[in-house]
Amino acid sequence: METNKPEKHFKYGGVRASVWCDIRKSAGGKSFKSRSVTLDRAYKDADGEWKNTHSLKEGDVLKAMTALQQAFEYMTQKSDGEDEE
């Protein structure tokens, strides 16, 4: 599993929640998976170039909530032992 690419994306409009998975080691030396989520919004700048920001506009909040809920459900299902390895 590559750690430099998201495991899964959940996108609503220009808002995207990305789930990342890292392999970590416990104090006892046992390896385990740890997931996290990042949130961003895509937009075009004045030159028409696509950019990303972590700032949300009023109309993006519900999209962000939906994307984060989907990411949460995915992450909790995976932590219940449904990893595909």
N, C-alpha and C. Protein backbone atom coordinates (compact mmCIF):
# COMPACT_ATOMS: atom_id res chain seq x y z
N MET A 1 0.85 -1.18 0.00
CA MET A 1 0.00 0.00 0.00
C MET A 1 0.89 1.25 0.00
N GLU A 2 0.67 2.14 -0.93
CA GLU A 2 1.44 3.38 -1.00
C GLU A 2 0.88 4.38 0.01
N THR A 3 1.76 5.00 0.78
CA THR A 3 1.29 5.95 1.78
C THR A 3 1.23 7.37 1.25
N ASN A 4 1.72 7.61 0.02
CA ASN A 4 1.72 8.97 -0.50
C ASN A 4 0.49 9.29 -1.34
N LYS A 5 -0.45 8.34 -1.45
CA LYS A 5 -1.69 8.58 -2.18
C LYS A 5 -2.87 8.28 -1.26
N PRO A 6 -3.95 9.03 -1.41
CA PRO A 6 -5.13 8.73 -0.60
C PRO A 6 -5.68 7.34 -0.94
N GLU A 7 -6.23 6.71 0.07
CA GLU A 7 -6.85 5.40 -0.10
C GLU A 7 -8.22 5.53 -0.79
N LYS A 8 -8.92 6.64 -0.50
CA LYS A 8 -10.28 6.82 -1.02
C LYS A 8 -10.61 8.31 -1.00
N HIS A 9 -11.41 8.76 -2.00
CA HIS A 9 -11.92 10.13 -2.05
C HIS A 9 -13.44 10.10 -1.97
N PHE A 10 -14.01 11.13 -1.33
CA PHE A 10 -15.45 11.36 -1.34
C PHE A 10 -15.63 12.81 -1.79
N LYS A 11 -16.26 13.00 -2.95
CA LYS A 11 -16.33 14.33 -3.56
C LYS A 11 -17.78 14.75 -3.78
N TYR A 12 -18.07 15.98 -3.39
CA TYR A 12 -19.38 16.60 -3.61
C TYR A 12 -19.12 17.99 -4.15
N GLY A 13 -19.45 18.20 -5.42
CA GLY A 13 -19.12 19.47 -6.05
C GLY A 13 -17.60 19.63 -6.05
N GLY A 14 -17.13 20.79 -5.62
CA GLY A 14 -15.70 21.04 -5.55
C GLY A 14 -15.07 20.63 -4.24
N VAL A 15 -15.86 20.09 -3.31
CA VAL A 15 -15.36 19.71 -1.99
C VAL A 15 -14.98 18.23 -1.99
N ARG A 16 -13.80 17.94 -1.44
CA ARG A 16 -13.32 16.56 -1.43
C ARG A 16 -12.75 16.19 -0.06
N ALA A 17 -13.21 15.06 0.47
CA ALA A 17 -12.62 14.47 1.67
C ALA A 17 -11.78 13.29 1.20
N SER A 18 -10.53 13.26 1.60
CA SER A 18 -9.61 12.19 1.20
C SER A 18 -9.19 11.39 2.42
N VAL A 19 -9.30 10.07 2.34
CA VAL A 19 -8.91 9.18 3.43
C VAL A 19 -7.51 8.66 3.15
N TRP A 20 -6.65 8.79 4.14
CA TRP A 20 -5.25 8.34 4.05
C TRP A 20 -5.05 7.18 5.02
N CYS A 21 -4.19 6.24 4.65
CA CYS A 21 -3.91 5.09 5.50
C CYS A 21 -2.40 4.97 5.67
N ASP A 22 -1.97 4.88 6.92
CA ASP A 22 -0.56 4.68 7.25
C ASP A 22 -0.40 3.43 8.09
N ILE A 23 0.73 2.77 7.94
CA ILE A 23 1.08 1.64 8.78
C ILE A 23 1.94 2.19 9.91
N ARG A 24 1.52 1.93 11.13
CA ARG A 24 2.24 2.42 12.32
C ARG A 24 2.62 1.24 13.19
N LYS A 25 3.47 1.49 14.17
CA LYS A 25 3.86 0.44 15.12
C LYS A 25 3.49 0.88 16.52
N SER A 26 2.94 -0.06 17.27
CA SER A 26 2.59 0.22 18.67
C SER A 26 3.86 0.18 19.51
N ALA A 27 3.73 0.58 20.78
CA ALA A 27 4.87 0.55 21.68
C ALA A 27 5.43 -0.87 21.81
N GLY A 28 4.56 -1.87 21.63
CA GLY A 28 4.98 -3.26 21.70
C GLY A 28 5.58 -3.80 20.41
N GLY A 29 5.62 -2.96 19.36
CA GLY A 29 6.21 -3.36 18.10
C GLY A 29 5.24 -3.95 17.09
N LYS A 30 3.96 -4.04 17.45
CA LYS A 30 2.97 -4.60 16.53
C LYS A 30 2.54 -3.54 15.51
N SER A 31 2.47 -3.93 14.23
CA SER A 31 2.04 -3.02 13.17
C SER A 31 0.52 -2.92 13.13
N PHE A 32 0.03 -1.72 12.84
CA PHE A 32 -1.41 -1.51 12.70
C PHE A 32 -1.65 -0.38 11.72
N LYS A 33 -2.88 -0.36 11.16
CA LYS A 33 -3.25 0.69 10.22
C LYS A 33 -3.89 1.85 10.97
N SER A 34 -3.54 3.04 10.55
CA SER A 34 -4.10 4.26 11.13
C SER A 34 -4.61 5.13 9.98
N ARG A 35 -5.87 5.51 10.05
CA ARG A 35 -6.47 6.32 8.98
C ARG A 35 -6.71 7.75 9.46
N SER A 36 -6.61 8.67 8.50
CA SER A 36 -6.91 10.08 8.76
C SER A 36 -7.63 10.63 7.53
N VAL A 37 -8.19 11.83 7.67
CA VAL A 37 -8.92 12.43 6.57
C VAL A 37 -8.50 13.89 6.41
N THR A 38 -8.38 14.32 5.15
CA THR A 38 -8.14 15.73 4.85
C THR A 38 -9.32 16.24 4.03
N LEU A 39 -9.55 17.55 4.10
CA LEU A 39 -10.67 18.18 3.41
C LEU A 39 -10.14 19.36 2.60
N ASP A 40 -10.56 19.45 1.34
CA ASP A 40 -10.17 20.60 0.53
C ASP A 40 -11.27 20.94 -0.47
N ARG A 41 -11.13 22.12 -1.08
CA ARG A 41 -12.09 22.59 -2.07
C ARG A 41 -11.32 23.07 -3.29
N ALA A 42 -11.76 22.64 -4.48
CA ALA A 42 -11.13 23.05 -5.73
C ALA A 42 -11.83 24.30 -6.26
N TYR A 43 -11.05 25.17 -6.88
CA TYR A 43 -11.59 26.38 -7.50
C TYR A 43 -10.65 26.82 -8.62
N LYS A 44 -11.16 27.64 -9.52
CA LYS A 44 -10.33 28.22 -10.58
C LYS A 44 -9.93 29.63 -10.18
N ASP A 45 -8.66 29.96 -10.35
CA ASP A 45 -8.20 31.30 -10.03
C ASP A 45 -8.49 32.25 -11.19
N ALA A 46 -8.05 33.49 -11.08
CA ALA A 46 -8.33 34.51 -12.09
C ALA A 46 -7.76 34.15 -13.47
N ASP A 47 -6.72 33.32 -13.49
CA ASP A 47 -6.11 32.90 -14.75
C ASP A 47 -6.71 31.61 -15.30
N GLY A 48 -7.73 31.09 -14.62
CA GLY A 48 -8.37 29.86 -15.07
C GLY A 48 -7.66 28.58 -14.64
N GLU A 49 -6.68 28.72 -13.77
CA GLU A 49 -5.93 27.57 -13.27
C GLU A 49 -6.65 26.96 -12.06
N TRP A 50 -6.67 25.63 -12.00
CA TRP A 50 -7.28 24.95 -10.85
C TRP A 50 -6.36 25.04 -9.65
N LYS A 51 -6.93 25.38 -8.51
CA LYS A 51 -6.21 25.48 -7.23
C LYS A 51 -7.03 24.76 -6.17
N ASN A 52 -6.40 24.49 -5.03
CA ASN A 52 -7.10 23.89 -3.89
C ASN A 52 -6.92 24.77 -2.67
N THR A 53 -7.93 24.78 -1.81
CA THR A 53 -7.89 25.52 -0.58
C THR A 53 -8.60 24.72 0.51
N HIS A 54 -8.31 25.07 1.74
CA HIS A 54 -9.01 24.45 2.87
C HIS A 54 -10.13 25.36 3.37
N SER A 55 -10.28 26.51 2.74
CA SER A 55 -11.32 27.47 3.09
C SER A 55 -12.62 27.09 2.38
N LEU A 56 -13.72 27.14 3.11
CA LEU A 56 -15.02 26.79 2.54
C LEU A 56 -15.91 28.02 2.46
N LYS A 57 -16.70 28.08 1.41
CA LYS A 57 -17.72 29.11 1.28
C LYS A 57 -19.02 28.58 1.88
N GLU A 58 -19.99 29.46 2.08
CA GLU A 58 -21.24 29.08 2.71
C GLU A 58 -21.88 27.87 2.02
N GLY A 59 -21.90 27.88 0.70
CA GLY A 59 -22.51 26.78 -0.05
C GLY A 59 -21.74 25.48 -0.01
N ASP A 60 -20.51 25.51 0.51
CA ASP A 60 -19.68 24.30 0.58
C ASP A 60 -19.84 23.53 1.88
N VAL A 61 -20.42 24.16 2.89
CA VAL A 61 -20.46 23.55 4.22
C VAL A 61 -21.24 22.24 4.22
N LEU A 62 -22.42 22.21 3.63
CA LEU A 62 -23.20 20.97 3.59
C LEU A 62 -22.49 19.90 2.76
N LYS A 63 -21.85 20.30 1.68
CA LYS A 63 -21.07 19.35 0.87
C LYS A 63 -19.94 18.75 1.70
N ALA A 64 -19.26 19.60 2.48
CA ALA A 64 -18.17 19.13 3.33
C ALA A 64 -18.69 18.17 4.41
N MET A 65 -19.83 18.51 5.00
CA MET A 65 -20.41 17.63 6.01
C MET A 65 -20.74 16.26 5.42
N THR A 66 -21.29 16.24 4.22
CA THR A 66 -21.65 14.99 3.55
C THR A 66 -20.40 14.18 3.22
N ALA A 67 -19.38 14.84 2.67
CA ALA A 67 -18.14 14.15 2.33
C ALA A 67 -17.47 13.59 3.58
N LEU A 68 -17.47 14.37 4.66
CA LEU A 68 -16.86 13.90 5.91
C LEU A 68 -17.63 12.75 6.52
N GLN A 69 -18.95 12.77 6.43
CA GLN A 69 -19.76 11.66 6.95
C GLN A 69 -19.44 10.38 6.18
N GLN A 70 -19.35 10.49 4.85
CA GLN A 70 -19.01 9.32 4.04
C GLN A 70 -17.62 8.81 4.39
N ALA A 71 -16.67 9.72 4.59
CA ALA A 71 -15.32 9.32 4.97
C ALA A 71 -15.32 8.63 6.33
N PHE A 72 -16.09 9.17 7.27
CA PHE A 72 -16.19 8.58 8.61
C PHE A 72 -16.74 7.16 8.52
N GLU A 73 -17.82 6.98 7.76
CA GLU A 73 -18.42 5.65 7.62
C GLU A 73 -17.43 4.68 6.99
N TYR A 74 -16.72 5.11 5.98
CA TYR A 74 -15.71 4.27 5.33
C TYR A 74 -14.62 3.88 6.33
N MET A 75 -14.11 4.86 7.07
CA MET A 75 -13.02 4.61 8.02
C MET A 75 -13.46 3.67 9.13
N THR A 76 -14.67 3.83 9.65
CA THR A 76 -15.11 2.97 10.74
C THR A 76 -15.39 1.56 10.24
N GLN A 77 -15.86 1.41 9.01
CA GLN A 77 -16.04 0.07 8.44
C GLN A 77 -14.69 -0.62 8.28
N LYS A 78 -13.70 0.12 7.83
CA LYS A 78 -12.37 -0.45 7.66
C LYS A 78 -11.77 -0.84 9.01
N SER A 79 -11.99 -0.04 10.03
CA SER A 79 -11.41 -0.34 11.35
C SER A 79 -12.09 -1.52 12.01
N ASP A 80 -13.26 -1.94 11.49
CA ASP A 80 -13.96 -3.11 12.01
C ASP A 80 -13.45 -4.40 11.38
N GLY A 81 -12.34 -4.33 10.65
CA GLY A 81 -11.73 -5.53 10.11
C GLY A 81 -12.08 -5.84 8.67
N GLU A 82 -12.56 -4.86 7.92
CA GLU A 82 -12.94 -5.11 6.53
C GLU A 82 -11.86 -4.68 5.55
N ASP A 83 -10.60 -4.62 5.99
CA ASP A 83 -9.52 -4.26 5.07
C ASP A 83 -9.37 -5.30 3.99
N GLU A 84 -9.03 -4.85 2.81
CA GLU A 84 -8.94 -5.72 1.64
C GLU A 84 -7.50 -6.09 1.36
N GLU A 85 -6.83 -6.73 2.27
CA GLU A 85 -5.44 -7.14 2.02
C GLU A 85 -5.32 -8.62 2.06
